[in-house]
Amino acid sequence: MKNKIVIMLMLFAGFACNKQKIPEGILSEDKMVEVLIDIHLAEGLVSSFPIHYDSSRVLYPYFENEVFLKHDVTDSVFKKSLEYYMLDIKTMDRIYARTIDSLHVVEKARNPNPNP
């Protein structure tokens, strides 16, 4: 009986430690977080410009392209990676939690003394 329990625990531990391998052509979680941080910063920058919404929609793709160049990522790889991670809500939640935490750090660094 003890042997069966030990074997079952070992199998369970093996499955628990077995992370799903990311398919080729998909960004790692870390890289995805880095790109998303810059994507959201670019969106925030464009939305802060005193221009009409239509103009910002024309301008934003240029900023987005700069983000992709900075991270050496194509838009198709980013979109494919986003679609891949959106299939696993827990992973996507983790990615966005890290992204939001990093954006808060950037915000605090830019505004060290916010008004109360």
PDB file of N, CA and C in Angstrom:
ATOM      1  N   MET A   1       0.829  -1.201   0.000  1.00  0.00           N
ATOM      2  CA  MET A   1       0.000   0.000   0.000  1.00  0.00           C
ATOM      3  C   MET A   1       0.870   1.261   0.000  1.00  0.00           C
ATOM      4  N   LYS A   2       1.934   1.250   0.823  1.00  0.00           N
ATOM      5  CA  LYS A   2       2.822   2.411   0.877  1.00  0.00           C
ATOM      6  C   LYS A   2       3.471   2.657  -0.483  1.00  0.00           C
ATOM      7  N   ASN A   3       3.824   1.564  -1.161  1.00  0.00           N
ATOM      8  CA  ASN A   3       4.449   1.698  -2.478  1.00  0.00           C
ATOM      9  C   ASN A   3       3.514   2.373  -3.474  1.00  0.00           C
ATOM     10  N   LYS A   4       2.241   2.024  -3.429  1.00  0.00           N
ATOM     11  CA  LYS A   4       1.273   2.642  -4.335  1.00  0.00           C
ATOM     12  C   LYS A   4       1.150   4.135  -4.065  1.00  0.00           C
ATOM     13  N   ILE A   5       1.135   4.502  -2.793  1.00  0.00           N
ATOM     14  CA  ILE A   5       1.031   5.920  -2.433  1.00  0.00           C
ATOM     15  C   ILE A   5       2.266   6.668  -2.897  1.00  0.00           C
ATOM     16  N   VAL A   6       3.440   6.080  -2.669  1.00  0.00           N
ATOM     17  CA  VAL A   6       4.693   6.719  -3.087  1.00  0.00           C
ATOM     18  C   VAL A   6       4.720   6.884  -4.604  1.00  0.00           C
ATOM     19  N   ILE A   7       4.321   5.848  -5.323  1.00  0.00           N
ATOM     20  CA  ILE A   7       4.308   5.916  -6.788  1.00  0.00           C
ATOM     21  C   ILE A   7       3.329   6.980  -7.271  1.00  0.00           C
ATOM     22  N   MET A   8       2.156   7.030  -6.662  1.00  0.00           N
ATOM     23  CA  MET A   8       1.168   8.039  -7.062  1.00  0.00           C
ATOM     24  C   MET A   8       1.672   9.448  -6.764  1.00  0.00           C
ATOM     25  N   LEU A   9       2.326   9.629  -5.618  1.00  0.00           N
ATOM     26  CA  LEU A   9       2.878  10.947  -5.291  1.00  0.00           C
ATOM     27  C   LEU A   9       3.970  11.338  -6.274  1.00  0.00           C
ATOM     28  N   MET A  10       4.797  10.385  -6.658  1.00  0.00           N
ATOM     29  CA  MET A  10       5.857  10.681  -7.621  1.00  0.00           C
ATOM     30  C   MET A  10       5.270  11.047  -8.985  1.00  0.00           C
ATOM     31  N   LEU A  11       4.255  10.322  -9.401  1.00  0.00           N
ATOM     32  CA  LEU A  11       3.604  10.650 -10.670  1.00  0.00           C
ATOM     33  C   LEU A  11       2.964  12.029 -10.625  1.00  0.00           C
ATOM     34  N   PHE A  12       2.280  12.311  -9.528  1.00  0.00           N
ATOM     35  CA  PHE A  12       1.644  13.616  -9.374  1.00  0.00           C
ATOM     36  C   PHE A  12       2.683  14.725  -9.396  1.00  0.00           C
ATOM     37  N   ALA A  13       3.790  14.522  -8.672  1.00  0.00           N
ATOM     38  CA  ALA A  13       4.858  15.526  -8.645  1.00  0.00           C
ATOM     39  C   ALA A  13       5.451  15.712 -10.037  1.00  0.00           C
ATOM     40  N   GLY A  14       5.592  14.616 -10.757  1.00  0.00           N
ATOM     41  CA  GLY A  14       6.127  14.707 -12.114  1.00  0.00           C
ATOM     42  C   GLY A  14       5.232  15.499 -13.042  1.00  0.00           C
ATOM     43  N   PHE A  15       3.925  15.262 -12.945  1.00  0.00           N
ATOM     44  CA  PHE A  15       2.984  16.015 -13.776  1.00  0.00           C
ATOM     45  C   PHE A  15       2.906  17.468 -13.344  1.00  0.00           C
ATOM     46  N   ALA A  16       2.998  17.725 -12.056  1.00  0.00           N
ATOM     47  CA  ALA A  16       2.907  19.091 -11.549  1.00  0.00           C
ATOM     48  C   ALA A  16       4.107  19.913 -11.981  1.00  0.00           C
ATOM     49  N   CYS A  17       5.263  19.285 -12.074  1.00  0.00           N
ATOM     50  CA  CYS A  17       6.482  20.002 -12.448  1.00  0.00           C
ATOM     51  C   CYS A  17       6.655  20.115 -13.955  1.00  0.00           C
ATOM     52  N   ASN A  18       5.888  19.395 -14.706  1.00  0.00           N
ATOM     53  CA  ASN A  18       5.998  19.371 -16.155  1.00  0.00           C
ATOM     54  C   ASN A  18       5.294  20.583 -16.752  1.00  0.00           C
ATOM     55  N   LYS A  19       6.087  21.608 -17.088  1.00  0.00           N
ATOM     56  CA  LYS A  19       5.507  22.803 -17.691  1.00  0.00           C
ATOM     57  C   LYS A  19       5.242  22.539 -19.165  1.00  0.00           C
ATOM     58  N   GLN A  20       4.184  23.145 -19.648  1.00  0.00           N
ATOM     59  CA  GLN A  20       3.854  22.997 -21.058  1.00  0.00           C
ATOM     60  C   GLN A  20       4.903  23.735 -21.878  1.00  0.00           C
ATOM     61  N   LYS A  21       5.440  23.060 -22.880  1.00  0.00           N
ATOM     62  CA  LYS A  21       6.451  23.670 -23.731  1.00  0.00           C
ATOM     63  C   LYS A  21       5.786  24.655 -24.677  1.00  0.00           C
ATOM     64  N   ILE A  22       6.386  25.820 -24.797  1.00  0.00           N
ATOM     65  CA  ILE A  22       5.853  26.858 -25.677  1.00  0.00           C
ATOM     66  C   ILE A  22       6.225  26.501 -27.118  1.00  0.00           C
ATOM     67  N   PRO A  23       5.250  26.506 -28.009  1.00  0.00           N
ATOM     68  CA  PRO A  23       5.532  26.171 -29.413  1.00  0.00           C
ATOM     69  C   PRO A  23       6.496  27.171 -30.060  1.00  0.00           C
ATOM     70  N   GLU A  24       7.139  26.718 -31.102  1.00  0.00           N
ATOM     71  CA  GLU A  24       8.051  27.579 -31.848  1.00  0.00           C
ATOM     72  C   GLU A  24       7.265  28.743 -32.454  1.00  0.00           C
ATOM     73  N   GLY A  25       7.877  29.922 -32.450  1.00  0.00           N
ATOM     74  CA  GLY A  25       7.217  31.093 -33.014  1.00  0.00           C
ATOM     75  C   GLY A  25       6.338  31.833 -32.029  1.00  0.00           C
ATOM     76  N   ILE A  26       6.344  31.397 -30.765  1.00  0.00           N
ATOM     77  CA  ILE A  26       5.576  32.061 -29.711  1.00  0.00           C
ATOM     78  C   ILE A  26       6.564  32.719 -28.759  1.00  0.00           C
ATOM     79  N   LEU A  27       6.305  33.961 -28.403  1.00  0.00           N
ATOM     80  CA  LEU A  27       7.173  34.669 -27.471  1.00  0.00           C
ATOM     81  C   LEU A  27       7.105  34.029 -26.092  1.00  0.00           C
ATOM     82  N   SER A  28       8.226  34.074 -25.373  1.00  0.00           N
ATOM     83  CA  SER A  28       8.220  33.596 -23.991  1.00  0.00           C
ATOM     84  C   SER A  28       7.357  34.533 -23.150  1.00  0.00           C
ATOM     85  N   GLU A  29       6.971  34.076 -21.979  1.00  0.00           N
ATOM     86  CA  GLU A  29       6.175  34.939 -21.098  1.00  0.00           C
ATOM     87  C   GLU A  29       6.936  36.216 -20.772  1.00  0.00           C
ATOM     88  N   ASP A  30       8.235  36.098 -20.494  1.00  0.00           N
ATOM     89  CA  ASP A  30       9.035  37.277 -20.152  1.00  0.00           C
ATOM     90  C   ASP A  30       9.066  38.281 -21.303  1.00  0.00           C
ATOM     91  N   LYS A  31       9.285  37.773 -22.510  1.00  0.00           N
ATOM     92  CA  LYS A  31       9.334  38.656 -23.684  1.00  0.00           C
ATOM     93  C   LYS A  31       7.963  39.279 -23.933  1.00  0.00           C
ATOM     94  N   MET A  32       6.919  38.500 -23.718  1.00  0.00           N
ATOM     95  CA  MET A  32       5.555  39.005 -23.908  1.00  0.00           C
ATOM     96  C   MET A  32       5.293  40.158 -22.948  1.00  0.00           C
ATOM     97  N   VAL A  33       5.727  40.016 -21.710  1.00  0.00           N
ATOM     98  CA  VAL A  33       5.554  41.090 -20.723  1.00  0.00           C
ATOM     99  C   VAL A  33       6.305  42.340 -21.175  1.00  0.00           C
ATOM    100  N   GLU A  34       7.543  42.173 -21.616  1.00  0.00           N
ATOM    101  CA  GLU A  34       8.342  43.319 -22.067  1.00  0.00           C
ATOM    102  C   GLU A  34       7.651  44.062 -23.211  1.00  0.00           C
ATOM    103  N   VAL A  35       7.164  43.314 -24.181  1.00  0.00           N
ATOM    104  CA  VAL A  35       6.506  43.933 -25.338  1.00  0.00           C
ATOM    105  C   VAL A  35       5.204  44.606 -24.908  1.00  0.00           C
ATOM    106  N   LEU A  36       4.420  43.937 -24.072  1.00  0.00           N
ATOM    107  CA  LEU A  36       3.149  44.523 -23.621  1.00  0.00           C
ATOM    108  C   LEU A  36       3.364  45.811 -22.834  1.00  0.00           C
ATOM    109  N   ILE A  37       4.412  45.863 -22.038  1.00  0.00           N
ATOM    110  CA  ILE A  37       4.712  47.094 -21.297  1.00  0.00           C
ATOM    111  C   ILE A  37       4.891  48.242 -22.281  1.00  0.00           C
ATOM    112  N   ASP A  38       5.730  48.032 -23.286  1.00  0.00           N
ATOM    113  CA  ASP A  38       5.990  49.100 -24.251  1.00  0.00           C
ATOM    114  C   ASP A  38       4.781  49.400 -25.128  1.00  0.00           C
ATOM    115  N   ILE A  39       3.981  48.392 -25.436  1.00  0.00           N
ATOM    116  CA  ILE A  39       2.747  48.620 -26.200  1.00  0.00           C
ATOM    117  C   ILE A  39       1.823  49.550 -25.412  1.00  0.00           C
ATOM    118  N   HIS A  40       1.655  49.265 -24.129  1.00  0.00           N
ATOM    119  CA  HIS A  40       0.760  50.092 -23.312  1.00  0.00           C
ATOM    120  C   HIS A  40       1.330  51.493 -23.086  1.00  0.00           C
ATOM    121  N   LEU A  41       2.640  51.606 -22.970  1.00  0.00           N
ATOM    122  CA  LEU A  41       3.245  52.938 -22.862  1.00  0.00           C
ATOM    123  C   LEU A  41       3.030  53.726 -24.153  1.00  0.00           C
ATOM    124  N   ALA A  42       3.156  53.066 -25.295  1.00  0.00           N
ATOM    125  CA  ALA A  42       2.919  53.732 -26.583  1.00  0.00           C
ATOM    126  C   ALA A  42       1.464  54.163 -26.705  1.00  0.00           C
ATOM    127  N   GLU A  43       0.543  53.297 -26.292  1.00  0.00           N
ATOM    128  CA  GLU A  43      -0.882  53.657 -26.332  1.00  0.00           C
ATOM    129  C   GLU A  43      -1.154  54.868 -25.444  1.00  0.00           C
ATOM    130  N   GLY A  44      -0.558  54.868 -24.263  1.00  0.00           N
ATOM    131  CA  GLY A  44      -0.752  55.990 -23.344  1.00  0.00           C
ATOM    132  C   GLY A  44      -0.186  57.281 -23.905  1.00  0.00           C
ATOM    133  N   LEU A  45       0.978  57.180 -24.536  1.00  0.00           N
ATOM    134  CA  LEU A  45       1.597  58.366 -25.121  1.00  0.00           C
ATOM    135  C   LEU A  45       0.729  58.942 -26.235  1.00  0.00           C
ATOM    136  N   VAL A  46       0.291  58.090 -27.131  1.00  0.00           N
ATOM    137  CA  VAL A  46      -0.542  58.558 -28.246  1.00  0.00           C
ATOM    138  C   VAL A  46      -1.853  59.147 -27.730  1.00  0.00           C
ATOM    139  N   SER A  47      -2.439  58.522 -26.728  1.00  0.00           N
ATOM    140  CA  SER A  47      -3.714  59.039 -26.208  1.00  0.00           C
ATOM    141  C   SER A  47      -3.545  60.359 -25.466  1.00  0.00           C
ATOM    142  N   SER A  48      -2.312  60.681 -25.072  1.00  0.00           N
ATOM    143  CA  SER A  48      -2.084  61.950 -24.372  1.00  0.00           C
ATOM    144  C   SER A  48      -1.881  63.123 -25.333  1.00  0.00           C
ATOM    145  N   PHE A  49      -1.682  62.833 -26.613  1.00  0.00           N
ATOM    146  CA  PHE A  49      -1.503  63.900 -27.591  1.00  0.00           C
ATOM    147  C   PHE A  49      -2.813  64.664 -27.775  1.00  0.00           C
ATOM    148  N   PRO A  50      -2.725  65.974 -27.922  1.00  0.00           N
ATOM    149  CA  PRO A  50      -3.952  66.770 -28.121  1.00  0.00           C
ATOM    150  C   PRO A  50      -4.417  66.723 -29.577  1.00  0.00           C
ATOM    151  N   ILE A  51      -4.769  65.520 -30.022  1.00  0.00           N
ATOM    152  CA  ILE A  51      -5.220  65.339 -31.402  1.00  0.00           C
ATOM    153  C   ILE A  51      -6.529  64.552 -31.390  1.00  0.00           C
ATOM    154  N   HIS A  52      -7.216  64.598 -32.509  1.00  0.00           N
ATOM    155  CA  HIS A  52      -8.477  63.872 -32.633  1.00  0.00           C
ATOM    156  C   HIS A  52      -8.229  62.363 -32.630  1.00  0.00           C
ATOM    157  N   TYR A  53      -9.256  61.642 -32.249  1.00  0.00           N
ATOM    158  CA  TYR A  53      -9.178  60.183 -32.174  1.00  0.00           C
ATOM    159  C   TYR A  53      -8.755  59.578 -33.510  1.00  0.00           C
ATOM    160  N   ASP A  54      -9.317  60.081 -34.611  1.00  0.00           N
ATOM    161  CA  ASP A  54      -8.963  59.550 -35.931  1.00  0.00           C
ATOM    162  C   ASP A  54      -7.473  59.716 -36.212  1.00  0.00           C
ATOM    163  N   SER A  55      -6.928  60.845 -35.812  1.00  0.00           N
ATOM    164  CA  SER A  55      -5.501  61.091 -36.028  1.00  0.00           C
ATOM    165  C   SER A  55      -4.649  60.160 -35.172  1.00  0.00           C
ATOM    166  N   SER A  56      -5.090  59.917 -33.951  1.00  0.00           N
ATOM    167  CA  SER A  56      -4.319  59.026 -33.079  1.00  0.00           C
ATOM    168  C   SER A  56      -4.339  57.591 -33.613  1.00  0.00           C
ATOM    169  N   ARG A  57      -5.436  57.205 -34.248  1.00  0.00           N
ATOM    170  CA  ARG A  57      -5.510  55.862 -34.843  1.00  0.00           C
ATOM    171  C   ARG A  57      -4.545  55.728 -36.019  1.00  0.00           C
ATOM    172  N   VAL A  58      -4.279  56.828 -36.702  1.00  0.00           N
ATOM    173  CA  VAL A  58      -3.318  56.812 -37.803  1.00  0.00           C
ATOM    174  C   VAL A  58      -1.897  56.807 -37.245  1.00  0.00           C
ATOM    175  N   LEU A  59      -1.676  57.533 -36.171  1.00  0.00           N
ATOM    176  CA  LEU A  59      -0.348  57.687 -35.583  1.00  0.00           C
ATOM    177  C   LEU A  59       0.107  56.447 -34.809  1.00  0.00           C
ATOM    178  N   TYR A  60      -0.804  55.798 -34.117  1.00  0.00           N
ATOM    179  CA  TYR A  60      -0.432  54.686 -33.233  1.00  0.00           C
ATOM    180  C   TYR A  60       0.346  53.561 -33.922  1.00  0.00           C
ATOM    181  N   PRO A  61      -0.022  53.124 -35.123  1.00  0.00           N
ATOM    182  CA  PRO A  61       0.741  52.028 -35.747  1.00  0.00           C
ATOM    183  C   PRO A  61       2.234  52.323 -35.898  1.00  0.00           C
ATOM    184  N   TYR A  62       2.602  53.589 -36.054  1.00  0.00           N
ATOM    185  CA  TYR A  62       4.022  53.938 -36.139  1.00  0.00           C
ATOM    186  C   TYR A  62       4.714  53.670 -34.801  1.00  0.00           C
ATOM    187  N   PHE A  63       4.062  54.034 -33.724  1.00  0.00           N
ATOM    188  CA  PHE A  63       4.609  53.781 -32.390  1.00  0.00           C
ATOM    189  C   PHE A  63       4.668  52.275 -32.117  1.00  0.00           C
ATOM    190  N   GLU A  64       3.615  51.579 -32.504  1.00  0.00           N
ATOM    191  CA  GLU A  64       3.577  50.129 -32.306  1.00  0.00           C
ATOM    192  C   GLU A  64       4.716  49.462 -33.072  1.00  0.00           C
ATOM    193  N   ASN A  65       4.961  49.902 -34.290  1.00  0.00           N
ATOM    194  CA  ASN A  65       6.048  49.352 -35.090  1.00  0.00           C
ATOM    195  C   ASN A  65       7.395  49.581 -34.415  1.00  0.00           C
ATOM    196  N   GLU A  66       7.576  50.743 -33.804  1.00  0.00           N
ATOM    197  CA  GLU A  66       8.820  51.028 -33.076  1.00  0.00           C
ATOM    198  C   GLU A  66       9.008  50.066 -31.905  1.00  0.00           C
ATOM    199  N   VAL A  67       7.929  49.725 -31.241  1.00  0.00           N
ATOM    200  CA  VAL A  67       7.995  48.751 -30.143  1.00  0.00           C
ATOM    201  C   VAL A  67       8.455  47.401 -30.688  1.00  0.00           C
ATOM    202  N   PHE A  68       7.886  46.980 -31.795  1.00  0.00           N
ATOM    203  CA  PHE A  68       8.266  45.696 -32.378  1.00  0.00           C
ATOM    204  C   PHE A  68       9.728  45.706 -32.824  1.00  0.00           C
ATOM    205  N   LEU A  69      10.181  46.811 -33.403  1.00  0.00           N
ATOM    206  CA  LEU A  69      11.589  46.919 -33.798  1.00  0.00           C
ATOM    207  C   LEU A  69      12.499  46.868 -32.574  1.00  0.00           C
ATOM    208  N   LYS A  70      12.122  47.573 -31.531  1.00  0.00           N
ATOM    209  CA  LYS A  70      12.919  47.601 -30.294  1.00  0.00           C
ATOM    210  C   LYS A  70      13.116  46.196 -29.735  1.00  0.00           C
ATOM    211  N   HIS A  71      12.073  45.394 -29.791  1.00  0.00           N
ATOM    212  CA  HIS A  71      12.119  44.055 -29.199  1.00  0.00           C
ATOM    213  C   HIS A  71      12.448  42.964 -30.224  1.00  0.00           C
ATOM    214  N   ASP A  72      12.728  43.372 -31.463  1.00  0.00           N
ATOM    215  CA  ASP A  72      13.059  42.434 -32.534  1.00  0.00           C
ATOM    216  C   ASP A  72      11.975  41.365 -32.684  1.00  0.00           C
ATOM    217  N   VAL A  73      10.740  41.851 -32.767  1.00  0.00           N
ATOM    218  CA  VAL A  73       9.559  40.994 -32.875  1.00  0.00           C
ATOM    219  C   VAL A  73       8.712  41.511 -34.033  1.00  0.00           C
ATOM    220  N   THR A  74       8.152  40.611 -34.798  1.00  0.00           N
ATOM    221  CA  THR A  74       7.237  41.043 -35.855  1.00  0.00           C
ATOM    222  C   THR A  74       5.825  41.154 -35.292  1.00  0.00           C
ATOM    223  N   ASP A  75       5.006  41.935 -35.966  1.00  0.00           N
ATOM    224  CA  ASP A  75       3.623  42.069 -35.498  1.00  0.00           C
ATOM    225  C   ASP A  75       2.887  40.736 -35.573  1.00  0.00           C
ATOM    226  N   SER A  76       3.219  39.915 -36.571  1.00  0.00           N
ATOM    227  CA  SER A  76       2.537  38.620 -36.692  1.00  0.00           C
ATOM    228  C   SER A  76       2.925  37.673 -35.555  1.00  0.00           C
ATOM    229  N   VAL A  77       4.187  37.696 -35.140  1.00  0.00           N
ATOM    230  CA  VAL A  77       4.614  36.859 -34.009  1.00  0.00           C
ATOM    231  C   VAL A  77       3.953  37.345 -32.725  1.00  0.00           C
ATOM    232  N   PHE A  78       3.864  38.658 -32.558  1.00  0.00           N
ATOM    233  CA  PHE A  78       3.204  39.194 -31.366  1.00  0.00           C
ATOM    234  C   PHE A  78       1.732  38.777 -31.334  1.00  0.00           C
ATOM    235  N   LYS A  79       1.041  38.947 -32.451  1.00  0.00           N
ATOM    236  CA  LYS A  79      -0.385  38.585 -32.502  1.00  0.00           C
ATOM    237  C   LYS A  79      -0.596  37.090 -32.284  1.00  0.00           C
ATOM    238  N   LYS A  80       0.259  36.285 -32.890  1.00  0.00           N
ATOM    239  CA  LYS A  80       0.166  34.832 -32.713  1.00  0.00           C
ATOM    240  C   LYS A  80       0.417  34.464 -31.244  1.00  0.00           C
ATOM    241  N   SER A  81       1.378  35.124 -30.623  1.00  0.00           N
ATOM    242  CA  SER A  81       1.684  34.869 -29.212  1.00  0.00           C
ATOM    243  C   SER A  81       0.535  35.304 -28.321  1.00  0.00           C
ATOM    244  N   LEU A  82      -0.047  36.446 -28.625  1.00  0.00           N
ATOM    245  CA  LEU A  82      -1.185  36.935 -27.849  1.00  0.00           C
ATOM    246  C   LEU A  82      -2.352  35.952 -27.942  1.00  0.00           C
ATOM    247  N   GLU A  83      -2.628  35.481 -29.137  1.00  0.00           N
ATOM    248  CA  GLU A  83      -3.701  34.496 -29.323  1.00  0.00           C
ATOM    249  C   GLU A  83      -3.398  33.207 -28.555  1.00  0.00           C
ATOM    250  N   TYR A  84      -2.143  32.779 -28.586  1.00  0.00           N
ATOM    251  CA  TYR A  84      -1.743  31.559 -27.881  1.00  0.00           C
ATOM    252  C   TYR A  84      -1.971  31.704 -26.374  1.00  0.00           C
ATOM    253  N   TYR A  85      -1.492  32.801 -25.806  1.00  0.00           N
ATOM    254  CA  TYR A  85      -1.615  32.984 -24.358  1.00  0.00           C
ATOM    255  C   TYR A  85      -3.061  33.237 -23.927  1.00  0.00           C
ATOM    256  N   MET A  86      -3.860  33.791 -24.802  1.00  0.00           N
ATOM    257  CA  MET A  86      -5.260  34.036 -24.446  1.00  0.00           C
ATOM    258  C   MET A  86      -6.062  32.738 -24.336  1.00  0.00           C
ATOM    259  N   LEU A  87      -5.531  31.658 -24.848  1.00  0.00           N
ATOM    260  CA  LEU A  87      -6.196  30.360 -24.711  1.00  0.00           C
ATOM    261  C   LEU A  87      -6.054  29.791 -23.296  1.00  0.00           C
ATOM    262  N   ASP A  88      -5.081  30.316 -22.549  1.00  0.00           N
ATOM    263  CA  ASP A  88      -4.844  29.865 -21.173  1.00  0.00           C
ATOM    264  C   ASP A  88      -5.008  31.072 -20.251  1.00  0.00           C
ATOM    265  N   ILE A  89      -6.183  31.209 -19.677  1.00  0.00           N
ATOM    266  CA  ILE A  89      -6.524  32.408 -18.911  1.00  0.00           C
ATOM    267  C   ILE A  89      -5.599  32.620 -17.716  1.00  0.00           C
ATOM    268  N   LYS A  90      -5.151  31.545 -17.080  1.00  0.00           N
ATOM    269  CA  LYS A  90      -4.256  31.690 -15.921  1.00  0.00           C
ATOM    270  C   LYS A  90      -2.914  32.278 -16.342  1.00  0.00           C
ATOM    271  N   THR A  91      -2.400  31.793 -17.452  1.00  0.00           N
ATOM    272  CA  THR A  91      -1.131  32.321 -17.948  1.00  0.00           C
ATOM    273  C   THR A  91      -1.295  33.774 -18.374  1.00  0.00           C
ATOM    274  N   MET A  92      -2.385  34.075 -19.058  1.00  0.00           N
ATOM    275  CA  MET A  92      -2.617  35.452 -19.494  1.00  0.00           C
ATOM    276  C   MET A  92      -2.796  36.372 -18.294  1.00  0.00           C
ATOM    277  N   ASP A  93      -3.485  35.912 -17.268  1.00  0.00           N
ATOM    278  CA  ASP A  93      -3.621  36.709 -16.041  1.00  0.00           C
ATOM    279  C   ASP A  93      -2.254  36.980 -15.426  1.00  0.00           C
ATOM    280  N   ARG A  94      -1.403  35.965 -15.409  1.00  0.00           N
ATOM    281  CA  ARG A  94      -0.060  36.129 -14.843  1.00  0.00           C
ATOM    282  C   ARG A  94       0.755  37.130 -15.670  1.00  0.00           C
ATOM    283  N   ILE A  95       0.664  37.022 -16.989  1.00  0.00           N
ATOM    284  CA  ILE A  95       1.391  37.946 -17.865  1.00  0.00           C
ATOM    285  C   ILE A  95       0.914  39.376 -17.629  1.00  0.00           C
ATOM    286  N   TYR A  96      -0.400  39.566 -17.564  1.00  0.00           N
ATOM    287  CA  TYR A  96      -0.916  40.922 -17.376  1.00  0.00           C
ATOM    288  C   TYR A  96      -0.683  41.442 -15.969  1.00  0.00           C
ATOM    289  N   ALA A  97      -0.659  40.577 -14.983  1.00  0.00           N
ATOM    290  CA  ALA A  97      -0.334  41.020 -13.621  1.00  0.00           C
ATOM    291  C   ALA A  97       1.091  41.562 -13.587  1.00  0.00           C
ATOM    292  N   ARG A  98       2.003  40.862 -14.242  1.00  0.00           N
ATOM    293  CA  ARG A  98       3.395  41.331 -14.306  1.00  0.00           C
ATOM    294  C   ARG A  98       3.499  42.625 -15.112  1.00  0.00           C
ATOM    295  N   THR A  99       2.739  42.708 -16.194  1.00  0.00           N
ATOM    296  CA  THR A  99       2.752  43.913 -17.023  1.00  0.00           C
ATOM    297  C   THR A  99       2.257  45.113 -16.229  1.00  0.00           C
ATOM    298  N   ILE A 100       1.153  44.945 -15.532  1.00  0.00           N
ATOM    299  CA  ILE A 100       0.577  46.040 -14.737  1.00  0.00           C
ATOM    300  C   ILE A 100       1.519  46.445 -13.613  1.00  0.00           C
ATOM    301  N   ASP A 101       2.119  45.466 -12.937  1.00  0.00           N
ATOM    302  CA  ASP A 101       3.083  45.785 -11.878  1.00  0.00           C
ATOM    303  C   ASP A 101       4.238  46.612 -12.433  1.00  0.00           C
ATOM    304  N   SER A 102       4.737  46.223 -13.591  1.00  0.00           N
ATOM    305  CA  SER A 102       5.844  46.956 -14.211  1.00  0.00           C
ATOM    306  C   SER A 102       5.422  48.358 -14.631  1.00  0.00           C
ATOM    307  N   LEU A 103       4.211  48.492 -15.129  1.00  0.00           N
ATOM    308  CA  LEU A 103       3.717  49.823 -15.508  1.00  0.00           C
ATOM    309  C   LEU A 103       3.568  50.719 -14.277  1.00  0.00           C
ATOM    310  N   HIS A 104       3.185  50.142 -13.147  1.00  0.00           N
ATOM    311  CA  HIS A 104       3.113  50.923 -11.903  1.00  0.00           C
ATOM    312  C   HIS A 104       4.502  51.402 -11.491  1.00  0.00           C
ATOM    313  N   VAL A 105       5.504  50.561 -11.660  1.00  0.00           N
ATOM    314  CA  VAL A 105       6.882  50.948 -11.334  1.00  0.00           C
ATOM    315  C   VAL A 105       7.328  52.094 -12.238  1.00  0.00           C
ATOM    316  N   VAL A 106       7.025  51.990 -13.525  1.00  0.00           N
ATOM    317  CA  VAL A 106       7.376  53.058 -14.475  1.00  0.00           C
ATOM    318  C   VAL A 106       6.671  54.351 -14.083  1.00  0.00           C
ATOM    319  N   GLU A 107       5.396  54.250 -13.741  1.00  0.00           N
ATOM    320  CA  GLU A 107       4.622  55.428 -13.357  1.00  0.00           C
ATOM    321  C   GLU A 107       5.201  56.084 -12.106  1.00  0.00           C
ATOM    322  N   LYS A 108       5.572  55.293 -11.115  1.00  0.00           N
ATOM    323  CA  LYS A 108       6.151  55.847  -9.884  1.00  0.00           C
ATOM    324  C   LYS A 108       7.496  56.495 -10.151  1.00  0.00           C
ATOM    325  N   ALA A 109       8.271  55.916 -11.065  1.00  0.00           N
ATOM    326  CA  ALA A 109       9.568  56.491 -11.404  1.00  0.00           C
ATOM    327  C   ALA A 109       9.405  57.833 -12.113  1.00  0.00           C
ATOM    328  N   ARG A 110       8.369  57.957 -12.911  1.00  0.00           N
ATOM    329  CA  ARG A 110       8.121  59.211 -13.634  1.00  0.00           C
ATOM    330  C   ARG A 110       7.466  60.266 -12.753  1.00  0.00           C
ATOM    331  N   ASN A 111       6.691  59.832 -11.769  1.00  0.00           N
ATOM    332  CA  ASN A 111       5.985  60.740 -10.859  1.00  0.00           C
ATOM    333  C   ASN A 111       6.301  60.350  -9.417  1.00  0.00           C
ATOM    334  N   PRO A 112       7.519  60.677  -8.939  1.00  0.00           N
ATOM    335  CA  PRO A 112       7.898  60.231  -7.597  1.00  0.00           C
ATOM    336  C   PRO A 112       7.066  60.844  -6.471  1.00  0.00           C
ATOM    337  N   ASN A 113       6.516  62.023  -6.674  1.00  0.00           N
ATOM    338  CA  ASN A 113       5.712  62.693  -5.646  1.00  0.00           C
ATOM    339  C   ASN A 113       4.333  63.028  -6.189  1.00  0.00           C
ATOM    340  N   PRO A 114       3.456  62.027  -6.314  1.00  0.00           N
ATOM    341  CA  PRO A 114       2.114  62.324  -6.842  1.00  0.00           C
ATOM    342  C   PRO A 114       1.323  63.181  -5.867  1.00  0.00           C
ATOM    343  N   ASN A 115       0.429  63.973  -6.419  1.00  0.00           N
ATOM    344  CA  ASN A 115      -0.419  64.817  -5.570  1.00  0.00           C
ATOM    345  C   ASN A 115      -1.410  63.944  -4.820  1.00  0.00           C
ATOM    346  N   PRO A 116      -1.621  64.247  -3.523  1.00  0.00           N
ATOM    347  CA  PRO A 116      -2.575  63.445  -2.747  1.00  0.00           C
ATOM    348  C   PRO A 116      -4.003  63.674  -3.151  1.00  0.00           C
TER     349      PRO A 116
END
